[in-house]
């Protein structure tokens, strides 16, 4: 089982959501399924409104992270990626802090999500 812990001033307390590692939910679908008020206008990686901070509970060294072109474009547009992160094909060793909830699919590690 993997655990996503949602943290927000909009929540009375942190909400932990567990799912099986073989499941492939986006952060947005997990939030919606559990009544977490995560804002998203387009649901298609265009607006960037669903940008959330993501951090691994136990970061893995040497992890390679690939963002979709749509996710990179939306995060760049709203100022959540550095120029270096935007130009890179993959990001090695350290994932970007900001991700789009409508696109990001947890890879099976336990994470915190702040919005």
C-alpha atoms as a PDB file:
ATOM      1  CA  UNK A   1       0.000   0.000   0.000  1.00  0.00           C
ATOM      2  CA  UNK A   2       1.060   3.553  -0.725  1.00  0.00           C
ATOM      3  CA  UNK A   3       0.001   6.533   1.335  1.00  0.00           C
ATOM      4  CA  UNK A   4      -0.657  10.089   0.179  1.00  0.00           C
ATOM      5  CA  UNK A   5      -1.052  12.603   2.996  1.00  0.00           C
ATOM      6  CA  UNK A   6      -2.919  15.774   1.980  1.00  0.00           C
ATOM      7  CA  UNK A   7      -2.101  18.921   3.985  1.00  0.00           C
ATOM      8  CA  UNK A   8      -3.915  22.247   3.604  1.00  0.00           C
ATOM      9  CA  UNK A   9      -5.288  25.191   5.537  1.00  0.00           C
ATOM     10  CA  UNK A  10      -8.606  24.172   3.916  1.00  0.00           C
ATOM     11  CA  UNK A  11      -8.594  20.905   5.878  1.00  0.00           C
ATOM     12  CA  UNK A  12      -9.238  20.629   9.635  1.00  0.00           C
ATOM     13  CA  UNK A  13      -6.391  18.073   9.813  1.00  0.00           C
ATOM     14  CA  UNK A  14      -4.117  16.092   7.518  1.00  0.00           C
ATOM     15  CA  UNK A  15      -5.937  13.471   5.439  1.00  0.00           C
ATOM     16  CA  UNK A  16      -4.176  10.179   4.710  1.00  0.00           C
ATOM     17  CA  UNK A  17      -5.314   8.220   1.675  1.00  0.00           C
ATOM     18  CA  UNK A  18      -4.038   4.728   0.964  1.00  0.00           C
ATOM     19  CA  UNK A  19      -4.141   2.871  -2.327  1.00  0.00           C
ATOM     20  CA  UNK A  20      -2.684  -0.324  -3.732  1.00  0.00           C
ATOM     21  CA  UNK A  21       0.578   0.074  -5.650  1.00  0.00           C
ATOM     22  CA  UNK A  22      -0.969  -1.498  -8.770  1.00  0.00           C
ATOM     23  CA  UNK A  23      -3.595   1.282  -8.898  1.00  0.00           C
ATOM     24  CA  UNK A  24      -2.626   4.324 -10.988  1.00  0.00           C
ATOM     25  CA  UNK A  25      -4.718   7.265  -9.664  1.00  0.00           C
ATOM     26  CA  UNK A  26      -3.784  10.887 -10.205  1.00  0.00           C
ATOM     27  CA  UNK A  27      -3.553  13.098  -7.126  1.00  0.00           C
ATOM     28  CA  UNK A  28      -6.662  14.921  -8.311  1.00  0.00           C
ATOM     29  CA  UNK A  29      -8.703  11.718  -8.599  1.00  0.00           C
ATOM     30  CA  UNK A  30      -7.567  10.621  -5.119  1.00  0.00           C
ATOM     31  CA  UNK A  31      -8.537  14.001  -3.679  1.00  0.00           C
ATOM     32  CA  UNK A  32     -11.939  13.980  -5.356  1.00  0.00           C
ATOM     33  CA  UNK A  33     -12.679  10.399  -4.277  1.00  0.00           C
ATOM     34  CA  UNK A  34     -12.036  11.369  -0.644  1.00  0.00           C
ATOM     35  CA  UNK A  35     -13.802  14.756  -0.577  1.00  0.00           C
ATOM     36  CA  UNK A  36     -10.587  16.797  -0.418  1.00  0.00           C
ATOM     37  CA  UNK A  37     -11.224  20.325  -1.779  1.00  0.00           C
ATOM     38  CA  UNK A  38      -8.334  20.504  -4.242  1.00  0.00           C
ATOM     39  CA  UNK A  39      -9.083  23.238  -6.799  1.00  0.00           C
ATOM     40  CA  UNK A  40      -8.835  22.457 -10.511  1.00  0.00           C
ATOM     41  CA  UNK A  41     -10.446  24.353 -13.388  1.00  0.00           C
ATOM     42  CA  UNK A  42      -9.481  22.557 -16.581  1.00  0.00           C
ATOM     43  CA  UNK A  43      -8.500  19.013 -15.451  1.00  0.00           C
ATOM     44  CA  UNK A  44      -6.311  18.877 -18.566  1.00  0.00           C
ATOM     45  CA  UNK A  45      -2.934  20.408 -17.578  1.00  0.00           C
ATOM     46  CA  UNK A  46      -3.663  23.749 -19.241  1.00  0.00           C
ATOM     47  CA  UNK A  47      -4.463  26.209 -16.437  1.00  0.00           C
ATOM     48  CA  UNK A  48      -2.011  25.171 -13.700  1.00  0.00           C
ATOM     49  CA  UNK A  49      -4.626  25.818 -10.977  1.00  0.00           C
ATOM     50  CA  UNK A  50      -4.118  22.349  -9.507  1.00  0.00           C
ATOM     51  CA  UNK A  51      -0.384  22.880  -8.838  1.00  0.00           C
ATOM     52  CA  UNK A  52       0.477  21.243  -5.519  1.00  0.00           C
ATOM     53  CA  UNK A  53       3.665  20.778  -3.543  1.00  0.00           C
ATOM     54  CA  UNK A  54       4.763  17.138  -3.452  1.00  0.00           C
ATOM     55  CA  UNK A  55       7.452  15.691  -1.199  1.00  0.00           C
ATOM     56  CA  UNK A  56       8.451  12.076  -0.641  1.00  0.00           C
ATOM     57  CA  UNK A  57       8.256  10.864   2.951  1.00  0.00           C
ATOM     58  CA  UNK A  58      11.527   8.985   2.365  1.00  0.00           C
ATOM     59  CA  UNK A  59      13.255  10.461  -0.703  1.00  0.00           C
ATOM     60  CA  UNK A  60      14.988   7.901  -2.891  1.00  0.00           C
ATOM     61  CA  UNK A  61      18.472   8.845  -4.124  1.00  0.00           C
ATOM     62  CA  UNK A  62      19.030   8.700  -7.854  1.00  0.00           C
ATOM     63  CA  UNK A  63      15.338   8.793  -8.692  1.00  0.00           C
ATOM     64  CA  UNK A  64      14.599  10.003 -12.219  1.00  0.00           C
ATOM     65  CA  UNK A  65      11.444  12.028 -12.697  1.00  0.00           C
ATOM     66  CA  UNK A  66       9.873  12.686 -16.085  1.00  0.00           C
ATOM     67  CA  UNK A  67       7.186  15.344 -16.405  1.00  0.00           C
ATOM     68  CA  UNK A  68       4.806  15.271 -19.346  1.00  0.00           C
ATOM     69  CA  UNK A  69       5.220  18.125 -21.826  1.00  0.00           C
ATOM     70  CA  UNK A  70       1.785  19.424 -20.836  1.00  0.00           C
ATOM     71  CA  UNK A  71       2.682  19.369 -17.137  1.00  0.00           C
ATOM     72  CA  UNK A  72       6.006  21.129 -17.780  1.00  0.00           C
ATOM     73  CA  UNK A  73       4.327  23.793 -19.893  1.00  0.00           C
ATOM     74  CA  UNK A  74       1.587  24.530 -17.335  1.00  0.00           C
ATOM     75  CA  UNK A  75       4.016  24.573 -14.384  1.00  0.00           C
ATOM     76  CA  UNK A  76       6.407  26.848 -16.314  1.00  0.00           C
ATOM     77  CA  UNK A  77       3.520  29.172 -17.237  1.00  0.00           C
ATOM     78  CA  UNK A  78       2.528  29.676 -13.587  1.00  0.00           C
ATOM     79  CA  UNK A  79       6.144  30.063 -12.403  1.00  0.00           C
ATOM     80  CA  UNK A  80       6.512  26.739 -10.562  1.00  0.00           C
ATOM     81  CA  UNK A  81       9.560  25.398 -12.492  1.00  0.00           C
ATOM     82  CA  UNK A  82      13.022  26.880 -12.885  1.00  0.00           C
ATOM     83  CA  UNK A  83      14.375  27.412 -16.400  1.00  0.00           C
ATOM     84  CA  UNK A  84      16.736  24.473 -15.854  1.00  0.00           C
ATOM     85  CA  UNK A  85      13.884  22.180 -14.821  1.00  0.00           C
ATOM     86  CA  UNK A  86      11.796  23.326 -17.781  1.00  0.00           C
ATOM     87  CA  UNK A  87      14.564  22.593 -20.328  1.00  0.00           C
ATOM     88  CA  UNK A  88      15.529  19.193 -18.878  1.00  0.00           C
ATOM     89  CA  UNK A  89      14.090  16.012 -20.415  1.00  0.00           C
ATOM     90  CA  UNK A  90      14.214  14.283 -17.027  1.00  0.00           C
ATOM     91  CA  UNK A  91      15.100  15.475 -13.568  1.00  0.00           C
ATOM     92  CA  UNK A  92      17.563  13.244 -11.752  1.00  0.00           C
ATOM     93  CA  UNK A  93      17.969  12.827  -7.994  1.00  0.00           C
ATOM     94  CA  UNK A  94      15.458  15.469  -7.005  1.00  0.00           C
ATOM     95  CA  UNK A  95      11.927  15.802  -8.235  1.00  0.00           C
ATOM     96  CA  UNK A  96      10.484  19.291  -8.649  1.00  0.00           C
ATOM     97  CA  UNK A  97       8.574  20.519  -5.614  1.00  0.00           C
ATOM     98  CA  UNK A  98       5.547  21.527  -7.704  1.00  0.00           C
ATOM     99  CA  UNK A  99       3.440  19.078  -9.707  1.00  0.00           C
ATOM    100  CA  UNK A 100       0.005  19.206 -11.354  1.00  0.00           C
ATOM    101  CA  UNK A 101      -2.533  17.155  -9.405  1.00  0.00           C
ATOM    102  CA  UNK A 102      -4.447  16.380 -12.605  1.00  0.00           C
ATOM    103  CA  UNK A 103      -1.349  14.786 -14.168  1.00  0.00           C
ATOM    104  CA  UNK A 104       0.816  13.435 -11.355  1.00  0.00           C
ATOM    105  CA  UNK A 105       0.446   9.714 -10.671  1.00  0.00           C
ATOM    106  CA  UNK A 106       2.230   8.638  -7.461  1.00  0.00           C
ATOM    107  CA  UNK A 107       4.865   6.008  -8.196  1.00  0.00           C
ATOM    108  CA  UNK A 108       4.180   3.854  -5.163  1.00  0.00           C
ATOM    109  CA  UNK A 109       6.209   5.783  -2.607  1.00  0.00           C
ATOM    110  CA  UNK A 110       4.579   7.506   0.367  1.00  0.00           C
ATOM    111  CA  UNK A 111       4.215  11.260  -0.257  1.00  0.00           C
ATOM    112  CA  UNK A 112       2.945  14.467   1.302  1.00  0.00           C
ATOM    113  CA  UNK A 113       0.845  16.804  -0.821  1.00  0.00           C
ATOM    114  CA  UNK A 114       0.367  20.433   0.258  1.00  0.00           C
ATOM    115  CA  UNK A 115      -2.041  22.867  -1.363  1.00  0.00           C
END
